[in-house]
C-alpha atoms as a PDB file:
ATOM      1  CA  UNK A   1      -0.221   0.155   0.120  1.00  0.00           C
ATOM      2  CA  UNK A   2       2.987   2.314   1.151  1.00  0.00           C
ATOM      3  CA  UNK A   3       4.640   1.864  -2.039  1.00  0.00           C
ATOM      4  CA  UNK A   4       1.082   2.406  -4.183  1.00  0.00           C
ATOM      5  CA  UNK A   5       1.056   5.807  -2.878  1.00  0.00           C
ATOM      6  CA  UNK A   6       4.162   6.802  -3.487  1.00  0.00           C
ATOM      7  CA  UNK A   7       3.664   5.419  -7.557  1.00  0.00           C
ATOM      8  CA  UNK A   8       0.133   7.920  -6.866  1.00  0.00           C
ATOM      9  CA  UNK A   9       1.814  11.275  -5.616  1.00  0.00           C
ATOM     10  CA  UNK A  10       4.935  11.251  -6.994  1.00  0.00           C
ATOM     11  CA  UNK A  11       3.446  11.696 -11.072  1.00  0.00           C
ATOM     12  CA  UNK A  12       0.603  13.965  -9.922  1.00  0.00           C
ATOM     13  CA  UNK A  13       3.304  15.799  -8.264  1.00  0.00           C
ATOM     14  CA  UNK A  14       5.460  16.238 -11.438  1.00  0.00           C
ATOM     15  CA  UNK A  15       1.452  17.064 -13.521  1.00  0.00           C
ATOM     16  CA  UNK A  16       0.489  19.186 -10.816  1.00  0.00           C
ATOM     17  CA  UNK A  17       3.406  21.978 -11.640  1.00  0.00           C
ATOM     18  CA  UNK A  18       3.638  21.090 -15.007  1.00  0.00           C
ATOM     19  CA  UNK A  19       0.024  21.347 -15.784  1.00  0.00           C
ATOM     20  CA  UNK A  20      -2.067  23.564 -13.161  1.00  0.00           C
ATOM     21  CA  UNK A  21      -0.308  24.966  -9.778  1.00  0.00           C
ATOM     22  CA  UNK A  22       2.258  25.631  -8.136  1.00  0.00           C
ATOM     23  CA  UNK A  23       0.244  25.075  -4.268  1.00  0.00           C
ATOM     24  CA  UNK A  24      -1.613  22.009  -5.735  1.00  0.00           C
ATOM     25  CA  UNK A  25       1.551  20.450  -6.612  1.00  0.00           C
ATOM     26  CA  UNK A  26       3.716  21.269  -2.972  1.00  0.00           C
ATOM     27  CA  UNK A  27       0.751  20.359  -1.040  1.00  0.00           C
ATOM     28  CA  UNK A  28       0.984  16.753  -2.914  1.00  0.00           C
ATOM     29  CA  UNK A  29       4.744  16.959  -2.033  1.00  0.00           C
ATOM     30  CA  UNK A  30       4.401  17.059   1.422  1.00  0.00           C
ATOM     31  CA  UNK A  31       1.864  14.037   1.290  1.00  0.00           C
ATOM     32  CA  UNK A  32       4.830  12.463  -1.017  1.00  0.00           C
ATOM     33  CA  UNK A  33       7.744  13.475   1.274  1.00  0.00           C
ATOM     34  CA  UNK A  34       5.732  11.948   3.947  1.00  0.00           C
ATOM     35  CA  UNK A  35       4.735   8.615   2.693  1.00  0.00           C
ATOM     36  CA  UNK A  36       9.083   8.076   1.282  1.00  0.00           C
ATOM     37  CA  UNK A  37       9.905   9.075   5.796  1.00  0.00           C
ATOM     38  CA  UNK A  38       7.209   6.044   6.836  1.00  0.00           C
ATOM     39  CA  UNK A  39       8.904   4.020   3.795  1.00  0.00           C
ATOM     40  CA  UNK A  40      12.345   4.645   5.141  1.00  0.00           C
ATOM     41  CA  UNK A  41      11.058   4.480   8.771  1.00  0.00           C
ATOM     42  CA  UNK A  42       9.685   0.752   7.965  1.00  0.00           C
ATOM     43  CA  UNK A  43      12.521  -0.590   6.253  1.00  0.00           C
ATOM     44  CA  UNK A  44      15.048   1.362   9.390  1.00  0.00           C
ATOM     45  CA  UNK A  45      12.604  -1.268  11.932  1.00  0.00           C
ATOM     46  CA  UNK A  46      12.688  -3.727   9.705  1.00  0.00           C
ATOM     47  CA  UNK A  47      16.976  -3.818   9.020  1.00  0.00           C
ATOM     48  CA  UNK A  48      16.749  -3.235  13.164  1.00  0.00           C
ATOM     49  CA  UNK A  49      14.122  -6.684  13.830  1.00  0.00           C
ATOM     50  CA  UNK A  50      17.152  -8.599  11.688  1.00  0.00           C
ATOM     51  CA  UNK A  51      19.993  -7.327  12.916  1.00  0.00           C
ATOM     52  CA  UNK A  52      18.973  -8.315  15.843  1.00  0.00           C
ATOM     53  CA  UNK A  53      20.397 -11.508  17.546  1.00  0.00           C
ATOM     54  CA  UNK A  54      17.168 -12.296  19.834  1.00  0.00           C
ATOM     55  CA  UNK A  55      15.238 -14.389  17.533  1.00  0.00           C
ATOM     56  CA  UNK A  56      12.111 -15.750  18.203  1.00  0.00           C
ATOM     57  CA  UNK A  57      12.156 -20.240  18.322  1.00  0.00           C
ATOM     58  CA  UNK A  58       9.555 -22.212  17.544  1.00  0.00           C
ATOM     59  CA  UNK A  59       7.936 -24.035  19.907  1.00  0.00           C
ATOM     60  CA  UNK A  60       6.791 -28.078  19.684  1.00  0.00           C
ATOM     61  CA  UNK A  61       4.659 -29.559  21.990  1.00  0.00           C
END
């Protein structure tokens, strides 16, 4: 879902800047920046989880 939002906001921002208004493009760009920041944070957390020496072991009953 996050990558879909980024894929939508990026071309919309360019289109808005070229054809509609700079103000609208600025608003879309803010949304794009927020989406990219969220994606980067998720990737950081995933790296931390996979780099952790602590793992969850499956328990057999």
